[in-house]
Structures are given as structure tokens and as C-alpha cells.
Amino acid sequence: NHGRRGNSECIVCHENLQNFKEYTCYNCHEH
């Protein structure tokens, strides 16, 4: 629930749902 009122969907951080070891923070943080 980081930065949200509820839990985020997996795809927000894990763009590749076949590999959850990879993640990105850029989908929320505009960097």
C-alpha cells in the first residue's frame, strides 16, 4: 500500500508478470 490507500496491483511494479524478481519504481515515481 506504499503511496496508496489500498494495495497496488502487481503490474504496477512488476511489468513482466512472468518474472516477479524484476520490478520498477518509475511507474509511480516520475523520474
ModelCIF file with pLDDT and N, C-alpha, C, O atoms, coordinates in Angstrom:
data_MODEL
#
_entry.id   MODEL 
#
_entity.id                         1 
_entity.type                       polymer 
_entity.pdbx_number_of_molecules   1 
#
_entity_poly.entity_id                      1 
_entity_poly.type                           'polypeptide(L)' 
_entity_poly.nstd_linkage                   no 
_entity_poly.nstd_monomer                   no 
_entity_poly.pdbx_seq_one_letter_code       NHGRRGNSECIVCHENLQNFKEYTCYNCHEH 
_entity_poly.pdbx_seq_one_letter_code_can   NHGRRGNSECIVCHENLQNFKEYTCYNCHEH 
_entity_poly.pdbx_strand_id                 A 
#
loop_
_entity_poly_seq.entity_id 
_entity_poly_seq.num 
_entity_poly_seq.mon_id 
_entity_poly_seq.hetero 
1 1  ASN n 
1 2  HIS n 
1 3  GLY n 
1 4  ARG n 
1 5  ARG n 
1 6  GLY n 
1 7  ASN n 
1 8  SER n 
1 9  GLU n 
1 10 CYS n 
1 11 ILE n 
1 12 VAL n 
1 13 CYS n 
1 14 HIS n 
1 15 GLU n 
1 16 ASN n 
1 17 LEU n 
1 18 GLN n 
1 19 ASN n 
1 20 PHE n 
1 21 LYS n 
1 22 GLU n 
1 23 TYR n 
1 24 THR n 
1 25 CYS n 
1 26 TYR n 
1 27 ASN n 
1 28 CYS n 
1 29 HIS n 
1 30 GLU n 
1 31 HIS n 
#
_struct_asym.id          A 
_struct_asym.entity_id   1 
#
loop_
_ma_qa_metric.id 
_ma_qa_metric.mode 
_ma_qa_metric.name 
_ma_qa_metric.software_group_id 
_ma_qa_metric.type 
1 global pLDDT . pLDDT 
2 local  pLDDT . pLDDT 
#
_ma_qa_metric_global.metric_id      1 
_ma_qa_metric_global.metric_value   81.55 
_ma_qa_metric_global.model_id       1 
_ma_qa_metric_global.ordinal_id     1 
#
loop_
_ma_qa_metric_local.label_asym_id 
_ma_qa_metric_local.label_comp_id 
_ma_qa_metric_local.label_seq_id 
_ma_qa_metric_local.metric_id 
_ma_qa_metric_local.metric_value 
_ma_qa_metric_local.model_id 
_ma_qa_metric_local.ordinal_id 
A ASN 1  2 85.00 1 1  
A HIS 2  2 86.00 1 2  
A GLY 3  2 80.00 1 3  
A ARG 4  2 76.00 1 4  
A ARG 5  2 78.00 1 5  
A GLY 6  2 78.00 1 6  
A ASN 7  2 80.00 1 7  
A SER 8  2 82.00 1 8  
A GLU 9  2 81.00 1 9  
A CYS 10 2 82.00 1 10 
A ILE 11 2 83.00 1 11 
A VAL 12 2 87.00 1 12 
A CYS 13 2 89.00 1 13 
A HIS 14 2 86.00 1 14 
A GLU 15 2 83.00 1 15 
A ASN 16 2 82.00 1 16 
A LEU 17 2 74.00 1 17 
A GLN 18 2 73.00 1 18 
A ASN 19 2 76.00 1 19 
A PHE 20 2 77.00 1 20 
A LYS 21 2 80.00 1 21 
A GLU 22 2 85.00 1 22 
A TYR 23 2 89.00 1 23 
A THR 24 2 88.00 1 24 
A CYS 25 2 88.00 1 25 
A TYR 26 2 84.00 1 26 
A ASN 27 2 84.00 1 27 
A CYS 28 2 84.00 1 28 
A HIS 29 2 80.00 1 29 
A GLU 30 2 72.00 1 30 
A HIS 31 2 76.00 1 31 
#
loop_
_atom_site.group_PDB 
_atom_site.id 
_atom_site.type_symbol 
_atom_site.label_atom_id 
_atom_site.label_alt_id 
_atom_site.label_comp_id 
_atom_site.label_asym_id 
_atom_site.label_entity_id 
_atom_site.label_seq_id 
_atom_site.pdbx_PDB_ins_code 
_atom_site.Cartn_x 
_atom_site.Cartn_y 
_atom_site.Cartn_z 
_atom_site.occupancy 
_atom_site.B_iso_or_equiv 
_atom_site.pdbx_formal_charge 
_atom_site.auth_seq_id 
_atom_site.auth_comp_id 
_atom_site.auth_asym_id 
_atom_site.auth_atom_id 
_atom_site.pdbx_PDB_model_num 
ATOM 1   N N  . ASN A 1 1  ? 0.820  -1.215  0.000   1.00 85.00 ? 1  ASN A N  1 
ATOM 2   C CA . ASN A 1 1  ? 0.000  0.000   0.000   1.00 85.00 ? 1  ASN A CA 1 
ATOM 3   C C  . ASN A 1 1  ? 0.857  1.270   0.000   1.00 85.00 ? 1  ASN A C  1 
ATOM 4   O O  . ASN A 1 1  ? 0.390  2.341   0.385   1.00 85.00 ? 1  ASN A O  1 
ATOM 5   N N  . HIS A 1 2  ? 2.105  1.140   -0.432  1.00 86.00 ? 2  HIS A N  1 
ATOM 6   C CA . HIS A 1 2  ? 3.010  2.288   -0.468  1.00 86.00 ? 2  HIS A CA 1 
ATOM 7   C C  . HIS A 1 2  ? 2.452  3.361   -1.410  1.00 86.00 ? 2  HIS A C  1 
ATOM 8   O O  . HIS A 1 2  ? 2.271  3.131   -2.606  1.00 86.00 ? 2  HIS A O  1 
ATOM 9   N N  . GLY A 1 3  ? 2.187  4.535   -0.836  1.00 80.00 ? 3  GLY A N  1 
ATOM 10  C CA . GLY A 1 3  ? 1.719  5.662   -1.630  1.00 80.00 ? 3  GLY A CA 1 
ATOM 11  C C  . GLY A 1 3  ? 0.274  5.557   -2.054  1.00 80.00 ? 3  GLY A C  1 
ATOM 12  O O  . GLY A 1 3  ? -0.183 6.363   -2.865  1.00 80.00 ? 3  GLY A O  1 
ATOM 13  N N  . ARG A 1 4  ? -0.474 4.576   -1.528  1.00 76.00 ? 4  ARG A N  1 
ATOM 14  C CA . ARG A 1 4  ? -1.857 4.391   -1.937  1.00 76.00 ? 4  ARG A CA 1 
ATOM 15  C C  . ARG A 1 4  ? -2.729 4.105   -0.710  1.00 76.00 ? 4  ARG A C  1 
ATOM 16  O O  . ARG A 1 4  ? -2.224 3.771   0.362   1.00 76.00 ? 4  ARG A O  1 
ATOM 17  N N  . ARG A 1 5  ? -4.045 4.241   -0.891  1.00 78.00 ? 5  ARG A N  1 
ATOM 18  C CA . ARG A 1 5  ? -4.963 3.894   0.191   1.00 78.00 ? 5  ARG A CA 1 
ATOM 19  C C  . ARG A 1 5  ? -5.171 2.384   0.276   1.00 78.00 ? 5  ARG A C  1 
ATOM 20  O O  . ARG A 1 5  ? -5.438 1.847   1.351   1.00 78.00 ? 5  ARG A O  1 
ATOM 21  N N  . GLY A 1 6  ? -5.048 1.719   -0.836  1.00 78.00 ? 6  GLY A N  1 
ATOM 22  C CA . GLY A 1 6  ? -5.176 0.268   -0.874  1.00 78.00 ? 6  GLY A CA 1 
ATOM 23  C C  . GLY A 1 6  ? -3.929 -0.352  -1.462  1.00 78.00 ? 6  GLY A C  1 
ATOM 24  O O  . GLY A 1 6  ? -2.951 0.336   -1.754  1.00 78.00 ? 6  GLY A O  1 
ATOM 25  N N  . ASN A 1 7  ? -3.978 -1.668  -1.630  1.00 80.00 ? 7  ASN A N  1 
ATOM 26  C CA . ASN A 1 7  ? -2.831 -2.359  -2.191  1.00 80.00 ? 7  ASN A CA 1 
ATOM 27  C C  . ASN A 1 7  ? -2.720 -2.107  -3.697  1.00 80.00 ? 7  ASN A C  1 
ATOM 28  O O  . ASN A 1 7  ? -3.728 -2.020  -4.397  1.00 80.00 ? 7  ASN A O  1 
ATOM 29  N N  . SER A 1 8  ? -1.510 -1.993  -4.172  1.00 82.00 ? 8  SER A N  1 
ATOM 30  C CA . SER A 1 8  ? -1.260 -1.791  -5.596  1.00 82.00 ? 8  SER A CA 1 
ATOM 31  C C  . SER A 1 8  ? -1.430 -3.108  -6.343  1.00 82.00 ? 8  SER A C  1 
ATOM 32  O O  . SER A 1 8  ? -1.221 -4.180  -5.776  1.00 82.00 ? 8  SER A O  1 
ATOM 33  N N  . GLU A 1 9  ? -1.808 -3.027  -7.606  1.00 81.00 ? 9  GLU A N  1 
ATOM 34  C CA . GLU A 1 9  ? -1.836 -4.199  -8.452  1.00 81.00 ? 9  GLU A CA 1 
ATOM 35  C C  . GLU A 1 9  ? -0.400 -4.628  -8.731  1.00 81.00 ? 9  GLU A C  1 
ATOM 36  O O  . GLU A 1 9  ? 0.511  -3.800  -8.750  1.00 81.00 ? 9  GLU A O  1 
ATOM 37  N N  . CYS A 1 10 ? -0.208 -5.899  -8.944  1.00 82.00 ? 10 CYS A N  1 
ATOM 38  C CA . CYS A 1 10 ? 1.139  -6.434  -9.171  1.00 82.00 ? 10 CYS A CA 1 
ATOM 39  C C  . CYS A 1 10 ? 1.827  -5.741  -10.356 1.00 82.00 ? 10 CYS A C  1 
ATOM 40  O O  . CYS A 1 10 ? 3.020  -5.440  -10.325 1.00 82.00 ? 10 CYS A O  1 
ATOM 41  N N  . ILE A 1 11 ? 1.018  -5.501  -11.406 1.00 83.00 ? 11 ILE A N  1 
ATOM 42  C CA . ILE A 1 11 ? 1.618  -4.990  -12.640 1.00 83.00 ? 11 ILE A CA 1 
ATOM 43  C C  . ILE A 1 11 ? 2.149  -3.573  -12.487 1.00 83.00 ? 11 ILE A C  1 
ATOM 44  O O  . ILE A 1 11 ? 2.929  -3.123  -13.326 1.00 83.00 ? 11 ILE A O  1 
ATOM 45  N N  . VAL A 1 12 ? 1.750  -2.859  -11.443 1.00 87.00 ? 12 VAL A N  1 
ATOM 46  C CA . VAL A 1 12 ? 2.251  -1.502  -11.230 1.00 87.00 ? 12 VAL A CA 1 
ATOM 47  C C  . VAL A 1 12 ? 3.762  -1.523  -11.075 1.00 87.00 ? 12 VAL A C  1 
ATOM 48  O O  . VAL A 1 12 ? 4.466  -0.668  -11.613 1.00 87.00 ? 12 VAL A O  1 
ATOM 49  N N  . CYS A 1 13 ? 4.255  -2.516  -10.329 1.00 89.00 ? 13 CYS A N  1 
ATOM 50  C CA . CYS A 1 13 ? 5.703  -2.611  -10.127 1.00 89.00 ? 13 CYS A CA 1 
ATOM 51  C C  . CYS A 1 13 ? 6.337  -3.692  -11.004 1.00 89.00 ? 13 CYS A C  1 
ATOM 52  O O  . CYS A 1 13 ? 7.453  -3.538  -11.498 1.00 89.00 ? 13 CYS A O  1 
ATOM 53  N N  . HIS A 1 14 ? 5.588  -4.799  -11.185 1.00 86.00 ? 14 HIS A N  1 
ATOM 54  C CA . HIS A 1 14 ? 6.117  -5.941  -11.946 1.00 86.00 ? 14 HIS A CA 1 
ATOM 55  C C  . HIS A 1 14 ? 5.500  -5.932  -13.333 1.00 86.00 ? 14 HIS A C  1 
ATOM 56  O O  . HIS A 1 14 ? 4.476  -6.571  -13.577 1.00 86.00 ? 14 HIS A O  1 
ATOM 57  N N  . GLU A 1 15 ? 6.136  -5.200  -14.237 1.00 83.00 ? 15 GLU A N  1 
ATOM 58  C CA . GLU A 1 15 ? 5.598  -5.072  -15.597 1.00 83.00 ? 15 GLU A CA 1 
ATOM 59  C C  . GLU A 1 15 ? 5.591  -6.409  -16.323 1.00 83.00 ? 15 GLU A C  1 
ATOM 60  O O  . GLU A 1 15 ? 4.740  -6.658  -17.177 1.00 83.00 ? 15 GLU A O  1 
ATOM 61  N N  . ASN A 1 16 ? 6.525  -7.249  -15.984 1.00 82.00 ? 16 ASN A N  1 
ATOM 62  C CA . ASN A 1 16 ? 6.594  -8.589  -16.567 1.00 82.00 ? 16 ASN A CA 1 
ATOM 63  C C  . ASN A 1 16 ? 6.052  -9.577  -15.533 1.00 82.00 ? 16 ASN A C  1 
ATOM 64  O O  . ASN A 1 16 ? 6.763  -9.978  -14.611 1.00 82.00 ? 16 ASN A O  1 
ATOM 65  N N  . LEU A 1 17 ? 4.791  -9.961  -15.697 1.00 74.00 ? 17 LEU A N  1 
ATOM 66  C CA . LEU A 1 17 ? 4.153  -10.843 -14.712 1.00 74.00 ? 17 LEU A CA 1 
ATOM 67  C C  . LEU A 1 17 ? 4.699  -12.266 -14.744 1.00 74.00 ? 17 LEU A C  1 
ATOM 68  O O  . LEU A 1 17 ? 4.316  -13.104 -13.927 1.00 74.00 ? 17 LEU A O  1 
ATOM 69  N N  . GLN A 1 18 ? 5.589  -12.533 -15.687 1.00 73.00 ? 18 GLN A N  1 
ATOM 70  C CA . GLN A 1 18 ? 6.224  -13.843 -15.730 1.00 73.00 ? 18 GLN A CA 1 
ATOM 71  C C  . GLN A 1 18 ? 7.510  -13.866 -14.903 1.00 73.00 ? 18 GLN A C  1 
ATOM 72  O O  . GLN A 1 18 ? 8.086  -14.930 -14.673 1.00 73.00 ? 18 GLN A O  1 
ATOM 73  N N  . ASN A 1 19 ? 7.950  -12.705 -14.465 1.00 76.00 ? 19 ASN A N  1 
ATOM 74  C CA . ASN A 1 19 ? 9.189  -12.644 -13.694 1.00 76.00 ? 19 ASN A CA 1 
ATOM 75  C C  . ASN A 1 19 ? 9.016  -11.591 -12.599 1.00 76.00 ? 19 ASN A C  1 
ATOM 76  O O  . ASN A 1 19 ? 9.179  -10.395 -12.844 1.00 76.00 ? 19 ASN A O  1 
ATOM 77  N N  . PHE A 1 20 ? 8.691  -12.039 -11.411 1.00 77.00 ? 20 PHE A N  1 
ATOM 78  C CA . PHE A 1 20 ? 8.408  -11.113 -10.328 1.00 77.00 ? 20 PHE A CA 1 
ATOM 79  C C  . PHE A 1 20 ? 9.673  -10.701 -9.573  1.00 77.00 ? 20 PHE A C  1 
ATOM 80  O O  . PHE A 1 20 ? 9.622  -9.899  -8.641  1.00 77.00 ? 20 PHE A O  1 
ATOM 81  N N  . LYS A 1 21 ? 10.798 -11.262 -9.991  1.00 80.00 ? 21 LYS A N  1 
ATOM 82  C CA . LYS A 1 21 ? 12.046 -10.807 -9.392  1.00 80.00 ? 21 LYS A CA 1 
ATOM 83  C C  . LYS A 1 21 ? 12.444 -9.426  -9.941  1.00 80.00 ? 21 LYS A C  1 
ATOM 84  O O  . LYS A 1 21 ? 13.216 -8.705  -9.309  1.00 80.00 ? 21 LYS A O  1 
ATOM 85  N N  . GLU A 1 22 ? 11.925 -9.069  -11.096 1.00 85.00 ? 22 GLU A N  1 
ATOM 86  C CA . GLU A 1 22 ? 12.184 -7.754  -11.680 1.00 85.00 ? 22 GLU A CA 1 
ATOM 87  C C  . GLU A 1 22 ? 11.078 -6.787  -11.281 1.00 85.00 ? 22 GLU A C  1 
ATOM 88  O O  . GLU A 1 22 ? 9.909  -7.168  -11.228 1.00 85.00 ? 22 GLU A O  1 
ATOM 89  N N  . TYR A 1 23 ? 11.435 -5.550  -11.003 1.00 89.00 ? 23 TYR A N  1 
ATOM 90  C CA . TYR A 1 23 ? 10.438 -4.549  -10.639 1.00 89.00 ? 23 TYR A CA 1 
ATOM 91  C C  . TYR A 1 23 ? 10.938 -3.156  -11.068 1.00 89.00 ? 23 TYR A C  1 
ATOM 92  O O  . TYR A 1 23 ? 12.109 -2.970  -11.401 1.00 89.00 ? 23 TYR A O  1 
ATOM 93  N N  . THR A 1 24 ? 10.042 -2.224  -11.047 1.00 88.00 ? 24 THR A N  1 
ATOM 94  C CA . THR A 1 24 ? 10.412 -0.828  -11.338 1.00 88.00 ? 24 THR A CA 1 
ATOM 95  C C  . THR A 1 24 ? 9.637  0.097   -10.415 1.00 88.00 ? 24 THR A C  1 
ATOM 96  O O  . THR A 1 24 ? 8.499  -0.189  -10.043 1.00 88.00 ? 24 THR A O  1 
ATOM 97  N N  . CYS A 1 25 ? 10.256 1.195   -10.052 1.00 88.00 ? 25 CYS A N  1 
ATOM 98  C CA . CYS A 1 25 ? 9.582  2.208   -9.243  1.00 88.00 ? 25 CYS A CA 1 
ATOM 99  C C  . CYS A 1 25 ? 9.110  3.379   -10.107 1.00 88.00 ? 25 CYS A C  1 
ATOM 100 O O  . CYS A 1 25 ? 8.410  4.268   -9.623  1.00 88.00 ? 25 CYS A O  1 
ATOM 101 N N  . TYR A 1 26 ? 9.495  3.378   -11.388 1.00 84.00 ? 26 TYR A N  1 
ATOM 102 C CA . TYR A 1 26 ? 9.255  4.538   -12.240 1.00 84.00 ? 26 TYR A CA 1 
ATOM 103 C C  . TYR A 1 26 ? 7.792  4.692   -12.669 1.00 84.00 ? 26 TYR A C  1 
ATOM 104 O O  . TYR A 1 26 ? 7.400  5.759   -13.142 1.00 84.00 ? 26 TYR A O  1 
ATOM 105 N N  . ASN A 1 27 ? 7.001  3.663   -12.514 1.00 84.00 ? 27 ASN A N  1 
ATOM 106 C CA . ASN A 1 27 ? 5.590  3.787   -12.887 1.00 84.00 ? 27 ASN A CA 1 
ATOM 107 C C  . ASN A 1 27 ? 4.832  4.700   -11.931 1.00 84.00 ? 27 ASN A C  1 
ATOM 108 O O  . ASN A 1 27 ? 3.769  5.220   -12.271 1.00 84.00 ? 27 ASN A O  1 
ATOM 109 N N  . CYS A 1 28 ? 5.381  4.890   -10.738 1.00 84.00 ? 28 CYS A N  1 
ATOM 110 C CA . CYS A 1 28 ? 4.760  5.814   -9.778  1.00 84.00 ? 28 CYS A CA 1 
ATOM 111 C C  . CYS A 1 28 ? 5.602  7.075   -9.603  1.00 84.00 ? 28 CYS A C  1 
ATOM 112 O O  . CYS A 1 28 ? 5.084  8.191   -9.558  1.00 84.00 ? 28 CYS A O  1 
ATOM 113 N N  . HIS A 1 29 ? 6.890  6.869   -9.509  1.00 80.00 ? 29 HIS A N  1 
ATOM 114 C CA . HIS A 1 29 ? 7.795  7.997   -9.294  1.00 80.00 ? 29 HIS A CA 1 
ATOM 115 C C  . HIS A 1 29 ? 8.225  8.553   -10.653 1.00 80.00 ? 29 HIS A C  1 
ATOM 116 O O  . HIS A 1 29 ? 8.853  7.852   -11.447 1.00 80.00 ? 29 HIS A O  1 
ATOM 117 N N  . GLU A 1 30 ? 7.889  9.790   -10.907 1.00 72.00 ? 30 GLU A N  1 
ATOM 118 C CA . GLU A 1 30 ? 8.152  10.390  -12.222 1.00 72.00 ? 30 GLU A CA 1 
ATOM 119 C C  . GLU A 1 30 ? 9.617  10.826  -12.331 1.00 72.00 ? 30 GLU A C  1 
ATOM 120 O O  . GLU A 1 30 ? 9.935  12.015  -12.306 1.00 72.00 ? 30 GLU A O  1 
ATOM 121 N N  . HIS A 1 31 ? 10.458 9.869   -12.447 1.00 76.00 ? 31 HIS A N  1 
ATOM 122 C CA . HIS A 1 31 ? 11.895 10.104  -12.603 1.00 76.00 ? 31 HIS A CA 1 
ATOM 123 C C  . HIS A 1 31 ? 12.353 9.451   -13.896 1.00 76.00 ? 31 HIS A C  1 
ATOM 124 O O  . HIS A 1 31 ? 13.534 9.519   -14.238 1.00 76.00 ? 31 HIS A O  1 
#
